[in-house]
PDB file of N, CA and C in Angstrom:
ATOM      1  N   MET A   1       0.840  -1.183   0.000  1.00  0.00           N
ATOM      2  CA  MET A   1       0.000   0.000   0.000  1.00  0.00           C
ATOM      3  C   MET A   1       0.889   1.251   0.000  1.00  0.00           C
ATOM      4  N   THR A   2       0.583   2.201  -0.862  1.00  0.00           N
ATOM      5  CA  THR A   2       1.409   3.409  -0.922  1.00  0.00           C
ATOM      6  C   THR A   2       0.906   4.443   0.069  1.00  0.00           C
ATOM      7  N   GLN A   3       1.829   5.265   0.536  1.00  0.00           N
ATOM      8  CA  GLN A   3       1.474   6.340   1.462  1.00  0.00           C
ATOM      9  C   GLN A   3       0.798   7.471   0.694  1.00  0.00           C
ATOM     10  N   PRO A   4      -0.200   8.128   1.283  1.00  0.00           N
ATOM     11  CA  PRO A   4      -0.808   9.276   0.601  1.00  0.00           C
ATOM     12  C   PRO A   4       0.210  10.405   0.469  1.00  0.00           C
ATOM     13  N   THR A   5       0.140  11.133  -0.624  1.00  0.00           N
ATOM     14  CA  THR A   5       1.103  12.210  -0.847  1.00  0.00           C
ATOM     15  C   THR A   5       0.539  13.560  -0.430  1.00  0.00           C
ATOM     16  N   PHE A   6      -0.629  13.581   0.205  1.00  0.00           N
ATOM     17  CA  PHE A   6      -1.253  14.830   0.642  1.00  0.00           C
ATOM     18  C   PHE A   6      -0.312  15.612   1.544  1.00  0.00           C
ATOM     19  N   ASP A   7      -0.051  16.858   1.187  1.00  0.00           N
ATOM     20  CA  ASP A   7       0.743  17.773   2.019  1.00  0.00           C
ATOM     21  C   ASP A   7       2.200  17.359   2.198  1.00  0.00           C
ATOM     22  N   ILE A   8       2.679  16.404   1.434  1.00  0.00           N
ATOM     23  CA  ILE A   8       4.031  15.908   1.676  1.00  0.00           C
ATOM     24  C   ILE A   8       5.062  17.023   1.484  1.00  0.00           C
ATOM     25  N   ASN A   9       4.853  17.916   0.534  1.00  0.00           N
ATOM     26  CA  ASN A   9       5.822  18.989   0.284  1.00  0.00           C
ATOM     27  C   ASN A   9       5.807  20.034   1.389  1.00  0.00           C
ATOM     28  N   LYS A  10       4.695  20.198   2.046  1.00  0.00           N
ATOM     29  CA  LYS A  10       4.594  21.219   3.081  1.00  0.00           C
ATOM     30  C   LYS A  10       5.180  20.738   4.404  1.00  0.00           C
ATOM     31  N   ARG A  11       5.472  19.457   4.514  1.00  0.00           N
ATOM     32  CA  ARG A  11       5.931  18.920   5.790  1.00  0.00           C
ATOM     33  C   ARG A  11       7.406  18.535   5.764  1.00  0.00           C
ATOM     34  N   ASN A  12       8.155  19.070   4.801  1.00  0.00           N
ATOM     35  CA  ASN A  12       9.547  18.662   4.717  1.00  0.00           C
ATOM     36  C   ASN A  12      10.470  19.530   5.565  1.00  0.00           C
ATOM     37  N   ALA A  13       9.932  20.451   6.318  1.00  0.00           N
ATOM     38  CA  ALA A  13      10.751  21.242   7.235  1.00  0.00           C
ATOM     39  C   ALA A  13      10.650  20.646   8.636  1.00  0.00           C
ATOM     40  N   GLU A  14      11.737  20.766   9.378  1.00  0.00           N
ATOM     41  CA  GLU A  14      11.734  20.276  10.754  1.00  0.00           C
ATOM     42  C   GLU A  14      10.739  21.095  11.570  1.00  0.00           C
ATOM     43  N   ARG A  15       9.910  20.400  12.334  1.00  0.00           N
ATOM     44  CA  ARG A  15       8.927  21.098  13.171  1.00  0.00           C
ATOM     45  C   ARG A  15       9.026  20.585  14.590  1.00  0.00           C
ATOM     46  N   VAL A  16       8.618  21.436  15.518  1.00  0.00           N
ATOM     47  CA  VAL A  16       8.607  21.036  16.916  1.00  0.00           C
ATOM     48  C   VAL A  16       7.210  21.243  17.479  1.00  0.00           C
ATOM     49  N   SER A  17       6.852  20.378  18.410  1.00  0.00           N
ATOM     50  CA  SER A  17       5.592  20.555  19.127  1.00  0.00           C
ATOM     51  C   SER A  17       5.790  21.609  20.191  1.00  0.00           C
ATOM     52  N   THR A  18       4.772  22.414  20.400  1.00  0.00           N
ATOM     53  CA  THR A  18       4.863  23.461  21.399  1.00  0.00           C
ATOM     54  C   THR A  18       3.449  23.798  21.859  1.00  0.00           C
ATOM     55  N   GLU A  19       3.329  24.458  22.953  1.00  0.00           N
ATOM     56  CA  GLU A  19       2.034  24.973  23.408  1.00  0.00           C
ATOM     57  C   GLU A  19       2.252  26.419  23.782  1.00  0.00           C
ATOM     58  N   ARG A  20       2.038  27.303  22.812  1.00  0.00           N
ATOM     59  CA  ARG A  20       2.271  28.730  23.026  1.00  0.00           C
ATOM     60  C   ARG A  20       1.011  29.479  22.617  1.00  0.00           C
ATOM     61  N   PRO A  21       0.691  30.547  23.343  1.00  0.00           N
ATOM     62  CA  PRO A  21      -0.446  31.360  22.917  1.00  0.00           C
ATOM     63  C   PRO A  21      -0.126  32.065  21.606  1.00  0.00           C
ATOM     64  N   ILE A  22      -1.136  32.219  20.782  1.00  0.00           N
ATOM     65  CA  ILE A  22      -0.974  32.885  19.492  1.00  0.00           C
ATOM     66  C   ILE A  22      -2.225  33.715  19.229  1.00  0.00           C
ATOM     67  N   CYS A  23      -2.059  34.841  18.601  1.00  0.00           N
ATOM     68  CA  CYS A  23      -3.189  35.695  18.240  1.00  0.00           C
ATOM     69  C   CYS A  23      -3.264  35.730  16.714  1.00  0.00           C
ATOM     70  N   MET A  24      -4.452  35.500  16.179  1.00  0.00           N
ATOM     71  CA  MET A  24      -4.640  35.504  14.727  1.00  0.00           C
ATOM     72  C   MET A  24      -5.654  36.576  14.363  1.00  0.00           C
ATOM     73  N   LYS A  25      -5.375  37.298  13.280  1.00  0.00           N
ATOM     74  CA  LYS A  25      -6.334  38.262  12.749  1.00  0.00           C
ATOM     75  C   LYS A  25      -6.675  37.835  11.332  1.00  0.00           C
ATOM     76  N   ALA A  26      -7.961  37.566  11.113  1.00  0.00           N
ATOM     77  CA  ALA A  26      -8.429  37.151   9.790  1.00  0.00           C
ATOM     78  C   ALA A  26      -9.873  37.598   9.637  1.00  0.00           C
ATOM     79  N   ASP A  27     -10.211  38.059   8.451  1.00  0.00           N
ATOM     80  CA  ASP A  27     -11.595  38.453   8.147  1.00  0.00           C
ATOM     81  C   ASP A  27     -12.177  39.392   9.204  1.00  0.00           C
ATOM     82  N   GLN A  28     -11.469  40.433   9.542  1.00  0.00           N
ATOM     83  CA  GLN A  28     -11.882  41.443  10.523  1.00  0.00           C
ATOM     84  C   GLN A  28     -12.182  40.884  11.905  1.00  0.00           C
ATOM     85  N   GLN A  29     -11.641  39.724  12.238  1.00  0.00           N
ATOM     86  CA  GLN A  29     -11.811  39.228  13.606  1.00  0.00           C
ATOM     87  C   GLN A  29     -10.461  38.869  14.193  1.00  0.00           C
ATOM     88  N   THR A  30     -10.362  39.032  15.512  1.00  0.00           N
ATOM     89  CA  THR A  30      -9.147  38.679  16.235  1.00  0.00           C
ATOM     90  C   THR A  30      -9.447  37.432  17.058  1.00  0.00           C
ATOM     91  N   ILE A  31      -8.593  36.425  16.915  1.00  0.00           N
ATOM     92  CA  ILE A  31      -8.842  35.126  17.539  1.00  0.00           C
ATOM     93  C   ILE A  31      -7.633  34.756  18.399  1.00  0.00           C
ATOM     94  N   SER A  32      -7.887  34.459  19.667  1.00  0.00           N
ATOM     95  CA  SER A  32      -6.828  33.927  20.529  1.00  0.00           C
ATOM     96  C   SER A  32      -6.860  32.412  20.417  1.00  0.00           C
ATOM     97  N   ALA A  33      -5.688  31.805  20.257  1.00  0.00           N
ATOM     98  CA  ALA A  33      -5.630  30.367  20.046  1.00  0.00           C
ATOM     99  C   ALA A  33      -4.340  29.812  20.640  1.00  0.00           C
ATOM    100  N   LYS A  34      -4.068  28.529  20.356  1.00  0.00           N
ATOM    101  CA  LYS A  34      -2.864  27.876  20.876  1.00  0.00           C
ATOM    102  C   LYS A  34      -2.068  27.292  19.713  1.00  0.00           C
ATOM    103  N   MET A  35      -0.789  27.696  19.627  1.00  0.00           N
ATOM    104  CA  MET A  35       0.115  27.125  18.633  1.00  0.00           C
ATOM    105  C   MET A  35       0.509  25.743  19.127  1.00  0.00           C
ATOM    106  N   ILE A  36       0.372  24.723  18.275  1.00  0.00           N
ATOM    107  CA  ILE A  36       0.719  23.372  18.708  1.00  0.00           C
ATOM    108  C   ILE A  36       1.979  22.839  18.037  1.00  0.00           C
ATOM    109  N   ASP A  37       2.373  23.430  16.905  1.00  0.00           N
ATOM    110  CA  ASP A  37       3.678  23.103  16.338  1.00  0.00           C
ATOM    111  C   ASP A  37       4.171  24.270  15.494  1.00  0.00           C
ATOM    112  N   LEU A  38       5.485  24.247  15.222  1.00  0.00           N
ATOM    113  CA  LEU A  38       6.114  25.367  14.535  1.00  0.00           C
ATOM    114  C   LEU A  38       7.260  24.865  13.672  1.00  0.00           C
ATOM    115  N   SER A  39       7.355  25.386  12.450  1.00  0.00           N
ATOM    116  CA  SER A  39       8.503  25.155  11.575  1.00  0.00           C
ATOM    117  C   SER A  39       8.768  26.464  10.843  1.00  0.00           C
ATOM    118  N   ILE A  40       9.835  26.493  10.021  1.00  0.00           N
ATOM    119  CA  ILE A  40      10.080  27.734   9.282  1.00  0.00           C
ATOM    120  C   ILE A  40       9.118  27.880   8.103  1.00  0.00           C
ATOM    121  N   ILE A  41       8.351  26.839   7.818  1.00  0.00           N
ATOM    122  CA  ILE A  41       7.365  26.905   6.730  1.00  0.00           C
ATOM    123  C   ILE A  41       6.015  27.385   7.250  1.00  0.00           C
ATOM    124  N   GLY A  42       5.684  27.008   8.488  1.00  0.00           N
ATOM    125  CA  GLY A  42       4.380  27.382   9.009  1.00  0.00           C
ATOM    126  C   GLY A  42       4.155  26.885  10.423  1.00  0.00           C
ATOM    127  N   THR A  43       2.889  26.937  10.827  1.00  0.00           N
ATOM    128  CA  THR A  43       2.528  26.557  12.186  1.00  0.00           C
ATOM    129  C   THR A  43       1.169  25.861  12.193  1.00  0.00           C
ATOM    130  N   GLY A  44       0.991  24.996  13.170  1.00  0.00           N
ATOM    131  CA  GLY A  44      -0.305  24.378  13.425  1.00  0.00           C
ATOM    132  C   GLY A  44      -0.925  25.048  14.633  1.00  0.00           C
ATOM    133  N   VAL A  45      -2.212  25.394  14.517  1.00  0.00           N
ATOM    134  CA  VAL A  45      -2.891  26.144  15.568  1.00  0.00           C
ATOM    135  C   VAL A  45      -4.193  25.439  15.919  1.00  0.00           C
ATOM    136  N   LEU A  46      -4.500  25.392  17.211  1.00  0.00           N
ATOM    137  CA  LEU A  46      -5.768  24.871  17.696  1.00  0.00           C
ATOM    138  C   LEU A  46      -6.614  26.053  18.128  1.00  0.00           C
ATOM    139  N   SER A  47      -7.805  26.185  17.541  1.00  0.00           N
ATOM    140  CA  SER A  47      -8.632  27.369  17.749  1.00  0.00           C
ATOM    141  C   SER A  47     -10.085  26.987  18.005  1.00  0.00           C
ATOM    142  N   GLU A  48     -10.775  27.831  18.765  1.00  0.00           N
ATOM    143  CA  GLU A  48     -12.213  27.644  18.978  1.00  0.00           C
ATOM    144  C   GLU A  48     -12.998  28.119  17.750  1.00  0.00           C
ATOM    145  N   THR A  49     -12.345  28.948  16.921  1.00  0.00           N
ATOM    146  CA  THR A  49     -13.006  29.593  15.791  1.00  0.00           C
ATOM    147  C   THR A  49     -12.399  29.097  14.483  1.00  0.00           C
ATOM    148  N   PRO A  50     -13.221  28.671  13.532  1.00  0.00           N
ATOM    149  CA  PRO A  50     -12.660  28.220  12.253  1.00  0.00           C
ATOM    150  C   PRO A  50     -12.179  29.404  11.414  1.00  0.00           C
ATOM    151  N   ILE A  51     -11.226  29.140  10.553  1.00  0.00           N
ATOM    152  CA  ILE A  51     -10.769  30.127   9.581  1.00  0.00           C
ATOM    153  C   ILE A  51     -10.871  29.471   8.207  1.00  0.00           C
ATOM    154  N   GLN A  52     -11.459  30.171   7.278  1.00  0.00           N
ATOM    155  CA  GLN A  52     -11.657  29.658   5.929  1.00  0.00           C
ATOM    156  C   GLN A  52     -10.314  29.351   5.271  1.00  0.00           C
ATOM    157  N   GLU A  53     -10.209  28.175   4.652  1.00  0.00           N
ATOM    158  CA  GLU A  53      -8.988  27.829   3.919  1.00  0.00           C
ATOM    159  C   GLU A  53      -8.744  28.860   2.836  1.00  0.00           C
ATOM    160  N   GLY A  54      -7.492  29.259   2.684  1.00  0.00           N
ATOM    161  CA  GLY A  54      -7.137  30.263   1.689  1.00  0.00           C
ATOM    162  C   GLY A  54      -7.161  31.685   2.228  1.00  0.00           C
ATOM    163  N   SER A  55      -7.677  31.864   3.454  1.00  0.00           N
ATOM    164  CA  SER A  55      -7.723  33.202   4.057  1.00  0.00           C
ATOM    165  C   SER A  55      -6.332  33.678   4.418  1.00  0.00           C
ATOM    166  N   GLU A  56      -6.089  34.976   4.224  1.00  0.00           N
ATOM    167  CA  GLU A  56      -4.842  35.578   4.703  1.00  0.00           C
ATOM    168  C   GLU A  56      -4.998  35.835   6.194  1.00  0.00           C
ATOM    169  N   ILE A  57      -3.938  35.563   6.939  1.00  0.00           N
ATOM    170  CA  ILE A  57      -3.985  35.682   8.397  1.00  0.00           C
ATOM    171  C   ILE A  57      -2.741  36.439   8.856  1.00  0.00           C
ATOM    172  N   GLN A  58      -2.943  37.334   9.804  1.00  0.00           N
ATOM    173  CA  GLN A  58      -1.790  37.925  10.495  1.00  0.00           C
ATOM    174  C   GLN A  58      -1.707  37.220  11.838  1.00  0.00           C
ATOM    175  N   ILE A  59      -0.547  36.681  12.152  1.00  0.00           N
ATOM    176  CA  ILE A  59      -0.388  35.986  13.431  1.00  0.00           C
ATOM    177  C   ILE A  59       0.670  36.688  14.273  1.00  0.00           C
ATOM    178  N   THR A  60       0.444  36.661  15.586  1.00  0.00           N
ATOM    179  CA  THR A  60       1.351  37.283  16.548  1.00  0.00           C
ATOM    180  C   THR A  60       1.626  36.274  17.659  1.00  0.00           C
ATOM    181  N   PHE A  61       2.910  36.066  17.961  1.00  0.00           N
ATOM    182  CA  PHE A  61       3.292  35.160  19.048  1.00  0.00           C
ATOM    183  C   PHE A  61       4.681  35.540  19.534  1.00  0.00           C
ATOM    184  N   GLY A  62       5.081  34.984  20.658  1.00  0.00           N
ATOM    185  CA  GLY A  62       6.410  35.224  21.201  1.00  0.00           C
ATOM    186  C   GLY A  62       7.172  33.920  21.316  1.00  0.00           C
ATOM    187  N   LEU A  63       8.496  34.016  21.310  1.00  0.00           N
ATOM    188  CA  LEU A  63       9.340  32.838  21.520  1.00  0.00           C
ATOM    189  C   LEU A  63      10.353  33.159  22.621  1.00  0.00           C
ATOM    190  N   PRO A  64      10.666  32.171  23.473  1.00  0.00           N
ATOM    191  CA  PRO A  64      11.547  32.432  24.613  1.00  0.00           C
ATOM    192  C   PRO A  64      12.969  32.817  24.210  1.00  0.00           C
ATOM    193  N   ASN A  65      13.449  32.363  23.050  1.00  0.00           N
ATOM    194  CA  ASN A  65      14.835  32.663  22.675  1.00  0.00           C
ATOM    195  C   ASN A  65      15.034  34.120  22.272  1.00  0.00           C
ATOM    196  N   ILE A  66      13.963  34.892  22.133  1.00  0.00           N
ATOM    197  CA  ILE A  66      14.096  36.339  21.927  1.00  0.00           C
ATOM    198  C   ILE A  66      13.307  37.074  23.011  1.00  0.00           C
ATOM    199  N   ASN A  67      13.324  36.500  24.221  1.00  0.00           N
ATOM    200  CA  ASN A  67      12.661  37.091  25.402  1.00  0.00           C
ATOM    201  C   ASN A  67      11.171  37.339  25.186  1.00  0.00           C
ATOM    202  N   ASN A  68      10.522  36.418  24.457  1.00  0.00           N
ATOM    203  CA  ASN A  68       9.089  36.488  24.179  1.00  0.00           C
ATOM    204  C   ASN A  68       8.685  37.787  23.489  1.00  0.00           C
ATOM    205  N   LYS A  69       9.652  38.435  22.832  1.00  0.00           N
ATOM    206  CA  LYS A  69       9.329  39.621  22.047  1.00  0.00           C
ATOM    207  C   LYS A  69       8.316  39.223  20.971  1.00  0.00           C
ATOM    208  N   GLU A  70       7.382  40.115  20.698  1.00  0.00           N
ATOM    209  CA  GLU A  70       6.304  39.805  19.773  1.00  0.00           C
ATOM    210  C   GLU A  70       6.812  39.609  18.343  1.00  0.00           C
ATOM    211  N   ILE A  71       6.428  38.507  17.739  1.00  0.00           N
ATOM    212  CA  ILE A  71       6.715  38.232  16.329  1.00  0.00           C
ATOM    213  C   ILE A  71       5.395  38.370  15.585  1.00  0.00           C
ATOM    214  N   ILE A  72       5.397  39.161  14.526  1.00  0.00           N
ATOM    215  CA  ILE A  72       4.186  39.342  13.730  1.00  0.00           C
ATOM    216  C   ILE A  72       4.478  38.833  12.323  1.00  0.00           C
ATOM    217  N   LEU A  73       3.695  37.860  11.873  1.00  0.00           N
ATOM    218  CA  LEU A  73       3.893  37.235  10.566  1.00  0.00           C
ATOM    219  C   LEU A  73       2.585  37.213   9.787  1.00  0.00           C
ATOM    220  N   CYS A  74       2.716  37.116   8.481  1.00  0.00           N
ATOM    221  CA  CYS A  74       1.547  36.899   7.628  1.00  0.00           C
ATOM    222  C   CYS A  74       1.584  35.470   7.115  1.00  0.00           C
ATOM    223  N   GLY A  75       0.413  34.914   6.949  1.00  0.00           N
ATOM    224  CA  GLY A  75       0.327  33.557   6.437  1.00  0.00           C
ATOM    225  C   GLY A  75      -1.003  33.322   5.755  1.00  0.00           C
ATOM    226  N   ILE A  76      -1.158  32.105   5.272  1.00  0.00           N
ATOM    227  CA  ILE A  76      -2.393  31.692   4.620  1.00  0.00           C
ATOM    228  C   ILE A  76      -2.867  30.415   5.295  1.00  0.00           C
ATOM    229  N   ALA A  77      -4.163  30.342   5.560  1.00  0.00           N
ATOM    230  CA  ALA A  77      -4.738  29.116   6.128  1.00  0.00           C
ATOM    231  C   ALA A  77      -4.685  28.043   5.036  1.00  0.00           C
ATOM    232  N   ALA A  78      -3.726  27.133   5.149  1.00  0.00           N
ATOM    233  CA  ALA A  78      -3.550  26.090   4.142  1.00  0.00           C
ATOM    234  C   ALA A  78      -4.628  25.016   4.291  1.00  0.00           C
ATOM    235  N   ARG A  79      -5.041  24.768   5.538  1.00  0.00           N
ATOM    236  CA  ARG A  79      -6.144  23.820   5.753  1.00  0.00           C
ATOM    237  C   ARG A  79      -6.744  24.011   7.130  1.00  0.00           C
ATOM    238  N   THR A  80      -8.000  23.643   7.231  1.00  0.00           N
ATOM    239  CA  THR A  80      -8.730  23.715   8.497  1.00  0.00           C
ATOM    240  C   THR A  80      -9.482  22.404   8.674  1.00  0.00           C
ATOM    241  N   ALA A  81      -9.353  21.803   9.843  1.00  0.00           N
ATOM    242  CA  ALA A  81     -10.057  20.551  10.127  1.00  0.00           C
ATOM    243  C   ALA A  81     -10.700  20.643  11.506  1.00  0.00           C
ATOM    244  N   GLN A  82     -11.946  20.206  11.607  1.00  0.00           N
ATOM    245  CA  GLN A  82     -12.598  20.219  12.917  1.00  0.00           C
ATOM    246  C   GLN A  82     -12.143  19.018  13.731  1.00  0.00           C
ATOM    247  N   VAL A  83     -11.743  19.287  14.979  1.00  0.00           N
ATOM    248  CA  VAL A  83     -11.330  18.245  15.904  1.00  0.00           C
ATOM    249  C   VAL A  83     -12.167  18.434  17.161  1.00  0.00           C
ATOM    250  N   ARG A  84     -13.117  17.554  17.378  1.00  0.00           N
ATOM    251  CA  ARG A  84     -14.094  17.689  18.453  1.00  0.00           C
ATOM    252  C   ARG A  84     -14.764  19.062  18.362  1.00  0.00           C
ATOM    253  N   HIS A  85     -14.586  19.915  19.389  1.00  0.00           N
ATOM    254  CA  HIS A  85     -15.243  21.224  19.369  1.00  0.00           C
ATOM    255  C   HIS A  85     -14.275  22.344  19.005  1.00  0.00           C
ATOM    256  N   GLN A  86     -13.113  21.967  18.450  1.00  0.00           N
ATOM    257  CA  GLN A  86     -12.124  22.971  18.072  1.00  0.00           C
ATOM    258  C   GLN A  86     -11.724  22.766  16.613  1.00  0.00           C
ATOM    259  N   TYR A  87     -10.865  23.660  16.136  1.00  0.00           N
ATOM    260  CA  TYR A  87     -10.414  23.592  14.754  1.00  0.00           C
ATOM    261  C   TYR A  87      -8.897  23.561  14.720  1.00  0.00           C
ATOM    262  N   LEU A  88      -8.360  22.632  13.952  1.00  0.00           N
ATOM    263  CA  LEU A  88      -6.928  22.548  13.719  1.00  0.00           C
ATOM    264  C   LEU A  88      -6.653  23.289  12.416  1.00  0.00           C
ATOM    265  N   ILE A  89      -5.861  24.345  12.503  1.00  0.00           N
ATOM    266  CA  ILE A  89      -5.613  25.202  11.350  1.00  0.00           C
ATOM    267  C   ILE A  89      -4.135  25.134  11.003  1.00  0.00           C
ATOM    268  N   GLY A  90      -3.843  24.762   9.782  1.00  0.00           N
ATOM    269  CA  GLY A  90      -2.474  24.746   9.284  1.00  0.00           C
ATOM    270  C   GLY A  90      -2.209  26.058   8.560  1.00  0.00           C
ATOM    271  N   ILE A  91      -1.254  26.830   9.059  1.00  0.00           N
ATOM    272  CA  ILE A  91      -0.956  28.137   8.483  1.00  0.00           C
ATOM    273  C   ILE A  91       0.408  28.080   7.811  1.00  0.00           C
ATOM    274  N   GLN A  92       0.437  28.457   6.541  1.00  0.00           N
ATOM    275  CA  GLN A  92       1.690  28.523   5.803  1.00  0.00           C
ATOM    276  C   GLN A  92       2.161  29.972   5.799  1.00  0.00           C
ATOM    277  N   PHE A  93       3.402  30.195   6.263  1.00  0.00           N
ATOM    278  CA  PHE A  93       3.938  31.556   6.328  1.00  0.00           C
ATOM    279  C   PHE A  93       4.150  32.119   4.933  1.00  0.00           C
ATOM    280  N   LYS A  94       3.998  33.449   4.822  1.00  0.00           N
ATOM    281  CA  LYS A  94       4.291  34.161   3.583  1.00  0.00           C
ATOM    282  C   LYS A  94       5.475  35.081   3.824  1.00  0.00           C
ATOM    283  N   ASP A  95       6.426  35.082   2.898  1.00  0.00           N
ATOM    284  CA  ASP A  95       7.536  36.050   2.917  1.00  0.00           C
ATOM    285  C   ASP A  95       8.234  36.155   4.270  1.00  0.00           C
ATOM    286  N   LEU A  96       8.660  35.024   4.803  1.00  0.00           N
ATOM    287  CA  LEU A  96       9.357  35.010   6.088  1.00  0.00           C
ATOM    288  C   LEU A  96      10.764  35.578   5.900  1.00  0.00           C
ATOM    289  N   SER A  97      11.105  36.606   6.675  1.00  0.00           N
ATOM    290  CA  SER A  97      12.421  37.236   6.546  1.00  0.00           C
ATOM    291  C   SER A  97      13.521  36.284   7.012  1.00  0.00           C
ATOM    292  N   ASN A  98      14.745  36.549   6.561  1.00  0.00           N
ATOM    293  CA  ASN A  98      15.891  35.741   6.999  1.00  0.00           C
ATOM    294  C   ASN A  98      16.045  35.798   8.513  1.00  0.00           C
ATOM    295  N   TYR A  99      15.799  36.979   9.093  1.00  0.00           N
ATOM    296  CA  TYR A  99      15.910  37.121  10.545  1.00  0.00           C
ATOM    297  C   TYR A  99      14.920  36.195  11.258  1.00  0.00           C
ATOM    298  N   LEU A 100      13.652  36.204  10.819  1.00  0.00           N
ATOM    299  CA  LEU A 100      12.658  35.363  11.490  1.00  0.00           C
ATOM    300  C   LEU A 100      12.917  33.883  11.222  1.00  0.00           C
ATOM    301  N   GLN A 101      13.431  33.547  10.048  1.00  0.00           N
ATOM    302  CA  GLN A 101      13.807  32.149   9.807  1.00  0.00           C
ATOM    303  C   GLN A 101      14.873  31.708  10.805  1.00  0.00           C
ATOM    304  N   SER A 102      15.857  32.573  11.056  1.00  0.00           N
ATOM    305  CA  SER A 102      16.921  32.198  11.999  1.00  0.00           C
ATOM    306  C   SER A 102      16.396  32.134  13.430  1.00  0.00           C
ATOM    307  N   VAL A 103      15.471  33.029  13.806  1.00  0.00           N
ATOM    308  CA  VAL A 103      14.878  32.992  15.148  1.00  0.00           C
ATOM    309  C   VAL A 103      14.113  31.677  15.342  1.00  0.00           C
ATOM    310  N   ILE A 104      13.310  31.290  14.353  1.00  0.00           N
ATOM    311  CA  ILE A 104      12.522  30.051  14.453  1.00  0.00           C
ATOM    312  C   ILE A 104      13.447  28.835  14.450  1.00  0.00           C
ATOM    313  N   ASN A 105      14.457  28.828  13.579  1.00  0.00           N
ATOM    314  CA  ASN A 105      15.423  27.720  13.561  1.00  0.00           C
ATOM    315  C   ASN A 105      16.142  27.593  14.897  1.00  0.00           C
ATOM    316  N   ASP A 106      16.507  28.711  15.494  1.00  0.00           N
ATOM    317  CA  ASP A 106      17.172  28.713  16.794  1.00  0.00           C
ATOM    318  C   ASP A 106      16.254  28.114  17.864  1.00  0.00           C
ATOM    319  N   PHE A 107      14.974  28.510  17.837  1.00  0.00           N
ATOM    320  CA  PHE A 107      13.993  27.966  18.784  1.00  0.00           C
ATOM    321  C   PHE A 107      13.877  26.449  18.607  1.00  0.00           C
ATOM    322  N   ILE A 108      13.800  25.982  17.364  1.00  0.00           N
ATOM    323  CA  ILE A 108      13.667  24.544  17.085  1.00  0.00           C
ATOM    324  C   ILE A 108      14.903  23.796  17.603  1.00  0.00           C
ATOM    325  N   ARG A 109      16.095  24.331  17.321  1.00  0.00           N
ATOM    326  CA  ARG A 109      17.336  23.699  17.776  1.00  0.00           C
ATOM    327  C   ARG A 109      17.383  23.604  19.292  1.00  0.00           C
ATOM    328  N   LYS A 110      17.053  24.702  19.982  1.00  0.00           N
ATOM    329  CA  LYS A 110      17.082  24.699  21.449  1.00  0.00           C
ATOM    330  C   LYS A 110      16.016  23.772  22.017  1.00  0.00           C
ATOM    331  N   HIS A 111      14.869  23.714  21.370  1.00  0.00           N
ATOM    332  CA  HIS A 111      13.781  22.850  21.818  1.00  0.00           C
ATOM    333  C   HIS A 111      14.231  21.383  21.763  1.00  0.00           C
ATOM    334  N   HIS A 112      14.861  20.981  20.661  1.00  0.00           N
ATOM    335  CA  HIS A 112      15.339  19.600  20.527  1.00  0.00           C
ATOM    336  C   HIS A 112      16.453  19.310  21.529  1.00  0.00           C
ATOM    337  N   HIS A 113      17.275  20.298  21.806  1.00  0.00           N
ATOM    338  CA  HIS A 113      18.403  20.128  22.725  1.00  0.00           C
ATOM    339  C   HIS A 113      17.925  19.839  24.150  1.00  0.00           C
ATOM    340  N   HIS A 114      16.763  20.413  24.527  1.00  0.00           N
ATOM    341  CA  HIS A 114      16.254  20.251  25.906  1.00  0.00           C
ATOM    342  C   HIS A 114      15.401  19.009  26.102  1.00  0.00           C
ATOM    343  N   GLN A 115      15.126  18.275  25.043  1.00  0.00           N
ATOM    344  CA  GLN A 115      14.264  17.099  25.214  1.00  0.00           C
ATOM    345  C   GLN A 115      15.042  15.878  25.623  1.00  0.00           C
TER     346      GLN A 115
END
C-alpha cells in the first residue's frame, strides 16, 4: 500500500511541538488560540473559531529565545479541520524574513536540545 502524498511537500521542514499562545487576525476578527507546532514553513494552531482555507492571516506570538518579544507574521490558512469542538488550522507563512527564519530555527534547535 502506498502512502498518501497529501501535504508531503509542506511537511519537509523540521517542526517542533509546542504549546504557546498565538493571536490571529483574519476576516476582521481577532482570535486567541494555541500554537501546537512550529517550523520555518508554518505553524499548526488549535482554535475555537474556524478560519476559511485560503484566508490571509496575520499571526502574533512570542518565543523564549528572543525574550518572548512579539513576532508578527503573515500567512495563509492552508487547511482547516474540525477536531471535536475545536479547529486545527495549518498556516503557511508568507515572505518570512531571513531574521525570522533564523529565530525560528534557533527555537527549534534549542527545543530539541532540551528534550
